[in-house]
């Protein structure tokens, strides 16, 4: 069984994609005679011509088409492995701030995937309200913050959108009370602001019955049947039920989640973490 050296495959793919030996040599960094020799060596391994010599252009034989297809895939895997090995050599510490509800939902799995890819990177994670995380970042305490905040002046990367939904305990009934009992976080919380704004715009009566500064406390209050609250749909925990839109509960606008940097030049580790979170959260 023959092994096909990646340098020969790379030369062949370059000849095809560049449309000639001289052009490919300029890309690969070899002379035109050296490129011809590379192709001949590959043809010897294949046991037949890959490029028709009778044509001025690069015209592939049937074997050439097959080698081109496999060659591109082999080189892709080779380059991907090389890239991953380079990435795994990164080391250092990133101070990350995440909203409470994300810390209790899918984000730990994303961060676990990041540490597997970058075993030399240490994460120091803080979970609080978005408002408090941005305050800590302003005090130089966090390198990267995931936050629901559409008016922050901190440098941000690309953002994604989360659907907001009303939630309640499985057996709660509030339609007959004449007002909507709300379980909320303290002032400055995006969820709280979005709930009150939405209900006021719809002229729906409401009353705050419980205010809690932690996600665990808010979740427990809603599960106990004290009232309803709003959450990102992707973070709704077991034991809580999404309430369908009704006259009493108008639709909530979606929320923008941004990745906030400490500075305009966050450094390689922080950028890698931000890119990984963004890609994982949006696919």
C-alpha atoms as a PDB file:
ATOM      1  CA  UNK A   1       0.000   0.000   0.000  1.00  0.00           C
ATOM      2  CA  UNK A   2       1.368   3.420  -0.990  1.00  0.00           C
ATOM      3  CA  UNK A   3       1.489   6.482   1.228  1.00  0.00           C
ATOM      4  CA  UNK A   4       0.857   9.744  -0.607  1.00  0.00           C
ATOM      5  CA  UNK A   5       3.095  12.501   0.798  1.00  0.00           C
ATOM      6  CA  UNK A   6       1.198  15.710   1.496  1.00  0.00           C
ATOM      7  CA  UNK A   7       3.895  17.808  -0.222  1.00  0.00           C
ATOM      8  CA  UNK A   8       3.225  15.975  -3.490  1.00  0.00           C
ATOM      9  CA  UNK A   9      -0.538  16.361  -3.089  1.00  0.00           C
ATOM     10  CA  UNK A  10      -0.135  20.050  -2.268  1.00  0.00           C
ATOM     11  CA  UNK A  11       1.943  20.617  -5.385  1.00  0.00           C
ATOM     12  CA  UNK A  12      -0.609  18.801  -7.539  1.00  0.00           C
ATOM     13  CA  UNK A  13      -3.564  20.737  -6.118  1.00  0.00           C
ATOM     14  CA  UNK A  14      -1.654  23.997  -6.586  1.00  0.00           C
ATOM     15  CA  UNK A  15      -0.954  23.191 -10.265  1.00  0.00           C
ATOM     16  CA  UNK A  16      -4.641  22.534 -10.874  1.00  0.00           C
ATOM     17  CA  UNK A  17      -5.885  25.572  -8.962  1.00  0.00           C
ATOM     18  CA  UNK A  18      -3.280  27.941 -10.400  1.00  0.00           C
ATOM     19  CA  UNK A  19      -3.664  26.636 -13.941  1.00  0.00           C
ATOM     20  CA  UNK A  20      -0.008  25.817 -14.597  1.00  0.00           C
ATOM     21  CA  UNK A  21       3.358  24.665 -13.232  1.00  0.00           C
ATOM     22  CA  UNK A  22       5.048  28.067 -13.205  1.00  0.00           C
ATOM     23  CA  UNK A  23       2.152  29.791 -11.446  1.00  0.00           C
ATOM     24  CA  UNK A  24       1.902  27.018  -8.867  1.00  0.00           C
ATOM     25  CA  UNK A  25       5.645  27.138  -8.289  1.00  0.00           C
ATOM     26  CA  UNK A  26       5.344  30.787  -7.347  1.00  0.00           C
ATOM     27  CA  UNK A  27       2.726  29.901  -4.751  1.00  0.00           C
ATOM     28  CA  UNK A  28       4.482  26.819  -3.363  1.00  0.00           C
ATOM     29  CA  UNK A  29       7.969  28.301  -3.531  1.00  0.00           C
ATOM     30  CA  UNK A  30       9.494  25.884  -6.053  1.00  0.00           C
ATOM     31  CA  UNK A  31      10.832  26.270  -9.560  1.00  0.00           C
ATOM     32  CA  UNK A  32       8.855  25.049 -12.548  1.00  0.00           C
ATOM     33  CA  UNK A  33      11.176  22.025 -13.076  1.00  0.00           C
ATOM     34  CA  UNK A  34      10.825  21.131  -9.396  1.00  0.00           C
ATOM     35  CA  UNK A  35       7.048  21.272  -9.706  1.00  0.00           C
ATOM     36  CA  UNK A  36       7.150  18.980 -12.734  1.00  0.00           C
ATOM     37  CA  UNK A  37       9.273  16.538 -10.767  1.00  0.00           C
ATOM     38  CA  UNK A  38       6.784  16.596  -7.888  1.00  0.00           C
ATOM     39  CA  UNK A  39       3.915  15.718 -10.229  1.00  0.00           C
ATOM     40  CA  UNK A  40       5.947  12.915 -11.845  1.00  0.00           C
ATOM     41  CA  UNK A  41       6.690  11.432  -8.423  1.00  0.00           C
ATOM     42  CA  UNK A  42       2.997  11.522  -7.560  1.00  0.00           C
ATOM     43  CA  UNK A  43       2.100   9.928 -10.902  1.00  0.00           C
ATOM     44  CA  UNK A  44       4.594   7.149 -10.197  1.00  0.00           C
ATOM     45  CA  UNK A  45       2.791   6.414  -6.930  1.00  0.00           C
ATOM     46  CA  UNK A  46      -0.601   6.542  -8.639  1.00  0.00           C
ATOM     47  CA  UNK A  47       0.567   4.397 -11.537  1.00  0.00           C
ATOM     48  CA  UNK A  48      -0.630   6.641 -14.341  1.00  0.00           C
ATOM     49  CA  UNK A  49      -0.900  10.186 -15.695  1.00  0.00           C
ATOM     50  CA  UNK A  50      -2.757  12.799 -13.710  1.00  0.00           C
ATOM     51  CA  UNK A  51      -2.468  15.656 -16.226  1.00  0.00           C
ATOM     52  CA  UNK A  52      -2.776  15.265 -19.996  1.00  0.00           C
ATOM     53  CA  UNK A  53       0.552  16.339 -21.476  1.00  0.00           C
ATOM     54  CA  UNK A  54      -0.977  16.971 -24.929  1.00  0.00           C
ATOM     55  CA  UNK A  55      -2.926  20.010 -23.754  1.00  0.00           C
ATOM     56  CA  UNK A  56      -1.522  23.490 -23.151  1.00  0.00           C
ATOM     57  CA  UNK A  57      -3.978  23.931 -20.293  1.00  0.00           C
ATOM     58  CA  UNK A  58      -4.176  21.801 -17.177  1.00  0.00           C
ATOM     59  CA  UNK A  59      -6.563  19.036 -18.194  1.00  0.00           C
ATOM     60  CA  UNK A  60      -6.963  16.197 -15.737  1.00  0.00           C
ATOM     61  CA  UNK A  61      -7.219  12.518 -16.527  1.00  0.00           C
ATOM     62  CA  UNK A  62      -9.820  10.410 -14.785  1.00  0.00           C
ATOM     63  CA  UNK A  63      -7.207   9.452 -12.208  1.00  0.00           C
ATOM     64  CA  UNK A  64      -6.316  13.122 -11.851  1.00  0.00           C
ATOM     65  CA  UNK A  65      -9.894  14.045 -11.006  1.00  0.00           C
ATOM     66  CA  UNK A  66      -9.949  11.363  -8.322  1.00  0.00           C
ATOM     67  CA  UNK A  67      -6.602  12.392  -6.821  1.00  0.00           C
ATOM     68  CA  UNK A  68      -7.680  16.055  -6.832  1.00  0.00           C
ATOM     69  CA  UNK A  69     -10.844  15.269  -4.880  1.00  0.00           C
ATOM     70  CA  UNK A  70      -9.090  13.128  -2.290  1.00  0.00           C
ATOM     71  CA  UNK A  71      -6.037  15.377  -2.214  1.00  0.00           C
ATOM     72  CA  UNK A  72      -8.078  18.409  -1.229  1.00  0.00           C
ATOM     73  CA  UNK A  73      -9.737  16.473   1.563  1.00  0.00           C
ATOM     74  CA  UNK A  74      -6.447  15.026   2.838  1.00  0.00           C
ATOM     75  CA  UNK A  75      -4.807  18.460   2.819  1.00  0.00           C
ATOM     76  CA  UNK A  76      -7.824  19.947   4.569  1.00  0.00           C
ATOM     77  CA  UNK A  77      -7.535  17.435   7.411  1.00  0.00           C
ATOM     78  CA  UNK A  78      -3.761  17.897   7.554  1.00  0.00           C
ATOM     79  CA  UNK A  79      -4.107  21.667   7.820  1.00  0.00           C
ATOM     80  CA  UNK A  80      -6.903  21.374  10.370  1.00  0.00           C
ATOM     81  CA  UNK A  81      -4.740  19.118  12.548  1.00  0.00           C
ATOM     82  CA  UNK A  82      -1.831  21.539  12.297  1.00  0.00           C
ATOM     83  CA  UNK A  83      -4.114  24.418  13.276  1.00  0.00           C
ATOM     84  CA  UNK A  84      -5.520  22.521  16.263  1.00  0.00           C
ATOM     85  CA  UNK A  85      -2.055  21.576  17.490  1.00  0.00           C
ATOM     86  CA  UNK A  86      -0.988  25.218  17.332  1.00  0.00           C
ATOM     87  CA  UNK A  87      -4.106  26.252  19.222  1.00  0.00           C
ATOM     88  CA  UNK A  88      -3.572  23.665  21.958  1.00  0.00           C
ATOM     89  CA  UNK A  89      -0.227  25.264  22.791  1.00  0.00           C
ATOM     90  CA  UNK A  90      -1.876  28.495  23.959  1.00  0.00           C
ATOM     91  CA  UNK A  91      -1.694  29.120  27.694  1.00  0.00           C
ATOM     92  CA  UNK A  92      -2.743  31.742  30.179  1.00  0.00           C
ATOM     93  CA  UNK A  93      -5.775  32.912  32.169  1.00  0.00           C
ATOM     94  CA  UNK A  94      -8.976  34.571  30.986  1.00  0.00           C
ATOM     95  CA  UNK A  95     -11.330  36.237  33.478  1.00  0.00           C
ATOM     96  CA  UNK A  96     -14.847  35.671  32.139  1.00  0.00           C
ATOM     97  CA  UNK A  97     -18.150  37.113  33.320  1.00  0.00           C
ATOM     98  CA  UNK A  98     -21.424  35.395  32.385  1.00  0.00           C
ATOM     99  CA  UNK A  99     -25.074  36.114  33.285  1.00  0.00           C
ATOM    100  CA  UNK A 100     -26.510  33.967  36.064  1.00  0.00           C
ATOM    101  CA  UNK A 101     -28.988  32.128  33.862  1.00  0.00           C
ATOM    102  CA  UNK A 102     -26.313  31.174  31.308  1.00  0.00           C
ATOM    103  CA  UNK A 103     -24.185  29.730  34.103  1.00  0.00           C
ATOM    104  CA  UNK A 104     -27.078  27.380  34.890  1.00  0.00           C
ATOM    105  CA  UNK A 105     -27.908  26.362  31.313  1.00  0.00           C
ATOM    106  CA  UNK A 106     -25.869  25.615  28.193  1.00  0.00           C
ATOM    107  CA  UNK A 107     -22.771  27.769  28.684  1.00  0.00           C
ATOM    108  CA  UNK A 108     -20.854  25.357  30.979  1.00  0.00           C
ATOM    109  CA  UNK A 109     -20.883  22.802  28.144  1.00  0.00           C
ATOM    110  CA  UNK A 110     -19.491  25.422  25.741  1.00  0.00           C
ATOM    111  CA  UNK A 111     -16.718  26.354  28.180  1.00  0.00           C
ATOM    112  CA  UNK A 112     -15.888  22.678  28.698  1.00  0.00           C
ATOM    113  CA  UNK A 113     -15.442  22.365  24.938  1.00  0.00           C
ATOM    114  CA  UNK A 114     -13.127  25.367  24.950  1.00  0.00           C
ATOM    115  CA  UNK A 115     -10.898  23.956  27.696  1.00  0.00           C
ATOM    116  CA  UNK A 116     -10.665  20.639  25.860  1.00  0.00           C
ATOM    117  CA  UNK A 117      -9.438  22.444  22.761  1.00  0.00           C
ATOM    118  CA  UNK A 118      -7.115  24.740  24.735  1.00  0.00           C
ATOM    119  CA  UNK A 119      -5.959  22.681  27.736  1.00  0.00           C
ATOM    120  CA  UNK A 120      -3.319  25.246  28.651  1.00  0.00           C
ATOM    121  CA  UNK A 121      -5.873  28.027  29.175  1.00  0.00           C
ATOM    122  CA  UNK A 122      -7.347  28.592  32.637  1.00  0.00           C
ATOM    123  CA  UNK A 123     -10.790  30.186  32.967  1.00  0.00           C
ATOM    124  CA  UNK A 124     -11.808  32.256  35.990  1.00  0.00           C
ATOM    125  CA  UNK A 125     -15.590  32.569  35.725  1.00  0.00           C
ATOM    126  CA  UNK A 126     -17.886  34.977  37.574  1.00  0.00           C
ATOM    127  CA  UNK A 127     -21.679  34.835  37.209  1.00  0.00           C
ATOM    128  CA  UNK A 128     -23.866  37.818  38.115  1.00  0.00           C
ATOM    129  CA  UNK A 129     -26.430  40.153  36.591  1.00  0.00           C
ATOM    130  CA  UNK A 130     -25.266  41.639  33.293  1.00  0.00           C
ATOM    131  CA  UNK A 131     -25.243  45.119  34.840  1.00  0.00           C
ATOM    132  CA  UNK A 132     -22.940  44.030  37.666  1.00  0.00           C
ATOM    133  CA  UNK A 133     -20.612  42.166  35.301  1.00  0.00           C
ATOM    134  CA  UNK A 134     -20.093  45.280  33.191  1.00  0.00           C
ATOM    135  CA  UNK A 135     -19.384  47.298  36.348  1.00  0.00           C
ATOM    136  CA  UNK A 136     -16.707  44.764  37.324  1.00  0.00           C
ATOM    137  CA  UNK A 137     -15.240  44.915  33.838  1.00  0.00           C
ATOM    138  CA  UNK A 138     -15.078  48.706  34.042  1.00  0.00           C
ATOM    139  CA  UNK A 139     -13.022  48.171  37.198  1.00  0.00           C
ATOM    140  CA  UNK A 140     -10.510  46.081  35.198  1.00  0.00           C
ATOM    141  CA  UNK A 141     -11.600  42.856  36.899  1.00  0.00           C
ATOM    142  CA  UNK A 142     -12.916  40.909  33.886  1.00  0.00           C
ATOM    143  CA  UNK A 143     -11.323  40.359  30.480  1.00  0.00           C
ATOM    144  CA  UNK A 144     -14.496  39.249  28.704  1.00  0.00           C
ATOM    145  CA  UNK A 145     -18.148  39.638  29.637  1.00  0.00           C
ATOM    146  CA  UNK A 146     -21.256  38.076  28.119  1.00  0.00           C
ATOM    147  CA  UNK A 147     -24.051  40.512  28.814  1.00  0.00           C
ATOM    148  CA  UNK A 148     -27.568  41.546  27.929  1.00  0.00           C
ATOM    149  CA  UNK A 149     -26.838  45.206  27.389  1.00  0.00           C
ATOM    150  CA  UNK A 150     -27.726  47.189  24.282  1.00  0.00           C
ATOM    151  CA  UNK A 151     -26.355  50.555  25.436  1.00  0.00           C
ATOM    152  CA  UNK A 152     -22.898  49.733  26.769  1.00  0.00           C
ATOM    153  CA  UNK A 153     -19.974  51.769  25.471  1.00  0.00           C
ATOM    154  CA  UNK A 154     -17.433  48.977  25.983  1.00  0.00           C
ATOM    155  CA  UNK A 155     -15.755  47.386  22.927  1.00  0.00           C
ATOM    156  CA  UNK A 156     -17.817  44.442  21.738  1.00  0.00           C
ATOM    157  CA  UNK A 157     -17.534  41.601  19.283  1.00  0.00           C
ATOM    158  CA  UNK A 158     -20.390  40.329  17.151  1.00  0.00           C
ATOM    159  CA  UNK A 159     -23.552  39.576  19.083  1.00  0.00           C
ATOM    160  CA  UNK A 160     -26.390  37.103  18.819  1.00  0.00           C
ATOM    161  CA  UNK A 161     -30.102  37.295  19.567  1.00  0.00           C
ATOM    162  CA  UNK A 162     -31.976  35.409  22.276  1.00  0.00           C
ATOM    163  CA  UNK A 163     -35.733  34.898  22.194  1.00  0.00           C
ATOM    164  CA  UNK A 164     -37.347  36.043  25.455  1.00  0.00           C
ATOM    165  CA  UNK A 165     -40.327  34.145  26.861  1.00  0.00           C
ATOM    166  CA  UNK A 166     -42.649  34.339  29.844  1.00  0.00           C
ATOM    167  CA  UNK A 167     -42.318  31.434  32.278  1.00  0.00           C
ATOM    168  CA  UNK A 168     -44.252  30.169  35.286  1.00  0.00           C
ATOM    169  CA  UNK A 169     -44.499  27.062  37.418  1.00  0.00           C
ATOM    170  CA  UNK A 170     -46.235  24.110  35.809  1.00  0.00           C
ATOM    171  CA  UNK A 171     -49.489  24.405  37.795  1.00  0.00           C
ATOM    172  CA  UNK A 172     -49.747  28.182  38.394  1.00  0.00           C
ATOM    173  CA  UNK A 173     -52.838  30.129  37.274  1.00  0.00           C
ATOM    174  CA  UNK A 174     -52.750  33.930  37.209  1.00  0.00           C
ATOM    175  CA  UNK A 175     -55.368  34.864  34.602  1.00  0.00           C
ATOM    176  CA  UNK A 176     -58.091  35.549  37.188  1.00  0.00           C
ATOM    177  CA  UNK A 177     -56.164  37.897  39.470  1.00  0.00           C
ATOM    178  CA  UNK A 178     -56.718  41.069  37.454  1.00  0.00           C
ATOM    179  CA  UNK A 179     -53.012  41.851  37.525  1.00  0.00           C
ATOM    180  CA  UNK A 180     -49.854  39.956  36.683  1.00  0.00           C
ATOM    181  CA  UNK A 181     -47.648  39.013  39.666  1.00  0.00           C
ATOM    182  CA  UNK A 182     -44.009  39.447  38.681  1.00  0.00           C
ATOM    183  CA  UNK A 183     -40.822  37.860  39.981  1.00  0.00           C
ATOM    184  CA  UNK A 184     -37.925  40.141  39.028  1.00  0.00           C
ATOM    185  CA  UNK A 185     -34.302  41.032  39.636  1.00  0.00           C
ATOM    186  CA  UNK A 186     -33.294  44.436  41.059  1.00  0.00           C
ATOM    187  CA  UNK A 187     -33.427  47.594  38.942  1.00  0.00           C
ATOM    188  CA  UNK A 188     -30.941  47.627  36.091  1.00  0.00           C
ATOM    189  CA  UNK A 189     -31.733  44.084  34.975  1.00  0.00           C
ATOM    190  CA  UNK A 190     -32.563  43.791  31.278  1.00  0.00           C
ATOM    191  CA  UNK A 191     -35.271  41.180  31.906  1.00  0.00           C
ATOM    192  CA  UNK A 192     -37.005  43.409  34.446  1.00  0.00           C
ATOM    193  CA  UNK A 193     -36.890  46.447  32.159  1.00  0.00           C
ATOM    194  CA  UNK A 194     -38.181  44.456  29.190  1.00  0.00           C
ATOM    195  CA  UNK A 195     -41.058  42.951  31.195  1.00  0.00           C
ATOM    196  CA  UNK A 196     -42.284  46.249  32.616  1.00  0.00           C
ATOM    197  CA  UNK A 197     -41.940  48.082  29.303  1.00  0.00           C
ATOM    198  CA  UNK A 198     -43.857  45.370  27.450  1.00  0.00           C
ATOM    199  CA  UNK A 199     -46.685  45.217  29.987  1.00  0.00           C
ATOM    200  CA  UNK A 200     -47.029  49.004  30.188  1.00  0.00           C
ATOM    201  CA  UNK A 201     -47.176  49.295  26.393  1.00  0.00           C
ATOM    202  CA  UNK A 202     -49.971  46.710  26.390  1.00  0.00           C
ATOM    203  CA  UNK A 203     -51.784  48.406  29.309  1.00  0.00           C
ATOM    204  CA  UNK A 204     -51.542  45.192  31.311  1.00  0.00           C
ATOM    205  CA  UNK A 205     -51.752  45.539  35.065  1.00  0.00           C
ATOM    206  CA  UNK A 206     -48.808  44.158  37.014  1.00  0.00           C
ATOM    207  CA  UNK A 207     -47.425  43.931  40.533  1.00  0.00           C
ATOM    208  CA  UNK A 208     -43.937  42.986  41.668  1.00  0.00           C
ATOM    209  CA  UNK A 209     -44.366  40.299  44.317  1.00  0.00           C
ATOM    210  CA  UNK A 210     -40.764  39.133  44.647  1.00  0.00           C
ATOM    211  CA  UNK A 211     -37.374  40.693  43.931  1.00  0.00           C
ATOM    212  CA  UNK A 212     -34.299  38.488  43.984  1.00  0.00           C
ATOM    213  CA  UNK A 213     -30.687  39.260  43.140  1.00  0.00           C
ATOM    214  CA  UNK A 214     -29.760  35.693  42.185  1.00  0.00           C
ATOM    215  CA  UNK A 215     -30.975  33.456  39.385  1.00  0.00           C
ATOM    216  CA  UNK A 216     -31.471  30.626  41.872  1.00  0.00           C
ATOM    217  CA  UNK A 217     -33.743  32.777  44.041  1.00  0.00           C
ATOM    218  CA  UNK A 218     -35.820  33.969  41.086  1.00  0.00           C
ATOM    219  CA  UNK A 219     -36.166  30.435  39.774  1.00  0.00           C
ATOM    220  CA  UNK A 220     -37.237  29.137  43.184  1.00  0.00           C
ATOM    221  CA  UNK A 221     -39.832  31.888  43.577  1.00  0.00           C
ATOM    222  CA  UNK A 222     -41.368  31.165  40.185  1.00  0.00           C
ATOM    223  CA  UNK A 223     -41.348  27.409  40.804  1.00  0.00           C
ATOM    224  CA  UNK A 224     -43.145  28.047  44.111  1.00  0.00           C
ATOM    225  CA  UNK A 225     -45.936  29.754  42.177  1.00  0.00           C
ATOM    226  CA  UNK A 226     -45.373  33.311  43.396  1.00  0.00           C
ATOM    227  CA  UNK A 227     -45.520  34.814  39.917  1.00  0.00           C
ATOM    228  CA  UNK A 228     -44.143  34.858  36.413  1.00  0.00           C
ATOM    229  CA  UNK A 229     -40.853  36.091  35.018  1.00  0.00           C
ATOM    230  CA  UNK A 230     -39.047  36.361  31.682  1.00  0.00           C
ATOM    231  CA  UNK A 231     -36.041  34.355  30.551  1.00  0.00           C
ATOM    232  CA  UNK A 232     -34.109  33.674  27.399  1.00  0.00           C
ATOM    233  CA  UNK A 233     -35.813  30.656  25.850  1.00  0.00           C
ATOM    234  CA  UNK A 234     -32.515  28.762  25.622  1.00  0.00           C
ATOM    235  CA  UNK A 235     -32.027  29.029  29.397  1.00  0.00           C
ATOM    236  CA  UNK A 236     -35.474  27.962  30.671  1.00  0.00           C
ATOM    237  CA  UNK A 237     -34.807  25.250  33.294  1.00  0.00           C
ATOM    238  CA  UNK A 238     -36.754  22.107  33.979  1.00  0.00           C
ATOM    239  CA  UNK A 239     -39.725  22.681  36.262  1.00  0.00           C
ATOM    240  CA  UNK A 240     -40.748  25.944  34.597  1.00  0.00           C
ATOM    241  CA  UNK A 241     -43.254  26.218  31.771  1.00  0.00           C
ATOM    242  CA  UNK A 242     -43.150  28.642  28.858  1.00  0.00           C
ATOM    243  CA  UNK A 243     -46.395  30.611  28.686  1.00  0.00           C
ATOM    244  CA  UNK A 244     -47.878  31.085  25.260  1.00  0.00           C
ATOM    245  CA  UNK A 245     -48.744  34.625  24.169  1.00  0.00           C
ATOM    246  CA  UNK A 246     -52.116  35.889  25.465  1.00  0.00           C
ATOM    247  CA  UNK A 247     -53.954  39.141  26.116  1.00  0.00           C
ATOM    248  CA  UNK A 248     -52.495  39.215  29.602  1.00  0.00           C
ATOM    249  CA  UNK A 249     -49.005  38.297  28.454  1.00  0.00           C
ATOM    250  CA  UNK A 250     -47.970  40.172  25.286  1.00  0.00           C
ATOM    251  CA  UNK A 251     -44.992  39.017  23.268  1.00  0.00           C
ATOM    252  CA  UNK A 252     -41.579  40.095  24.527  1.00  0.00           C
ATOM    253  CA  UNK A 253     -39.042  41.587  22.149  1.00  0.00           C
ATOM    254  CA  UNK A 254     -35.917  39.543  21.531  1.00  0.00           C
ATOM    255  CA  UNK A 255     -32.770  40.498  23.428  1.00  0.00           C
ATOM    256  CA  UNK A 256     -29.289  41.158  22.121  1.00  0.00           C
ATOM    257  CA  UNK A 257     -26.409  39.342  23.793  1.00  0.00           C
ATOM    258  CA  UNK A 258     -22.977  40.899  23.320  1.00  0.00           C
ATOM    259  CA  UNK A 259     -19.442  39.847  24.130  1.00  0.00           C
ATOM    260  CA  UNK A 260     -17.759  42.791  25.819  1.00  0.00           C
ATOM    261  CA  UNK A 261     -13.980  43.227  25.783  1.00  0.00           C
ATOM    262  CA  UNK A 262     -11.961  44.999  28.433  1.00  0.00           C
ATOM    263  CA  UNK A 263     -10.107  46.974  25.755  1.00  0.00           C
ATOM    264  CA  UNK A 264      -9.866  47.467  22.013  1.00  0.00           C
ATOM    265  CA  UNK A 265      -6.863  45.093  22.004  1.00  0.00           C
ATOM    266  CA  UNK A 266      -8.069  42.122  24.047  1.00  0.00           C
ATOM    267  CA  UNK A 267      -5.272  39.710  23.200  1.00  0.00           C
ATOM    268  CA  UNK A 268      -5.202  36.336  21.490  1.00  0.00           C
ATOM    269  CA  UNK A 269      -6.634  34.244  24.345  1.00  0.00           C
ATOM    270  CA  UNK A 270      -9.642  36.502  24.846  1.00  0.00           C
ATOM    271  CA  UNK A 271     -10.350  36.647  21.122  1.00  0.00           C
ATOM    272  CA  UNK A 272     -10.144  32.869  20.814  1.00  0.00           C
ATOM    273  CA  UNK A 273     -12.595  32.447  23.717  1.00  0.00           C
ATOM    274  CA  UNK A 274     -14.990  35.059  22.298  1.00  0.00           C
ATOM    275  CA  UNK A 275     -14.924  33.430  18.856  1.00  0.00           C
ATOM    276  CA  UNK A 276     -15.495  29.974  20.349  1.00  0.00           C
ATOM    277  CA  UNK A 277     -18.466  31.131  22.449  1.00  0.00           C
ATOM    278  CA  UNK A 278     -20.016  33.018  19.546  1.00  0.00           C
ATOM    279  CA  UNK A 279     -19.659  30.094  17.136  1.00  0.00           C
ATOM    280  CA  UNK A 280     -20.984  27.572  19.657  1.00  0.00           C
ATOM    281  CA  UNK A 281     -23.936  29.735  20.723  1.00  0.00           C
ATOM    282  CA  UNK A 282     -25.107  30.457  17.191  1.00  0.00           C
ATOM    283  CA  UNK A 283     -24.802  27.011  15.600  1.00  0.00           C
END
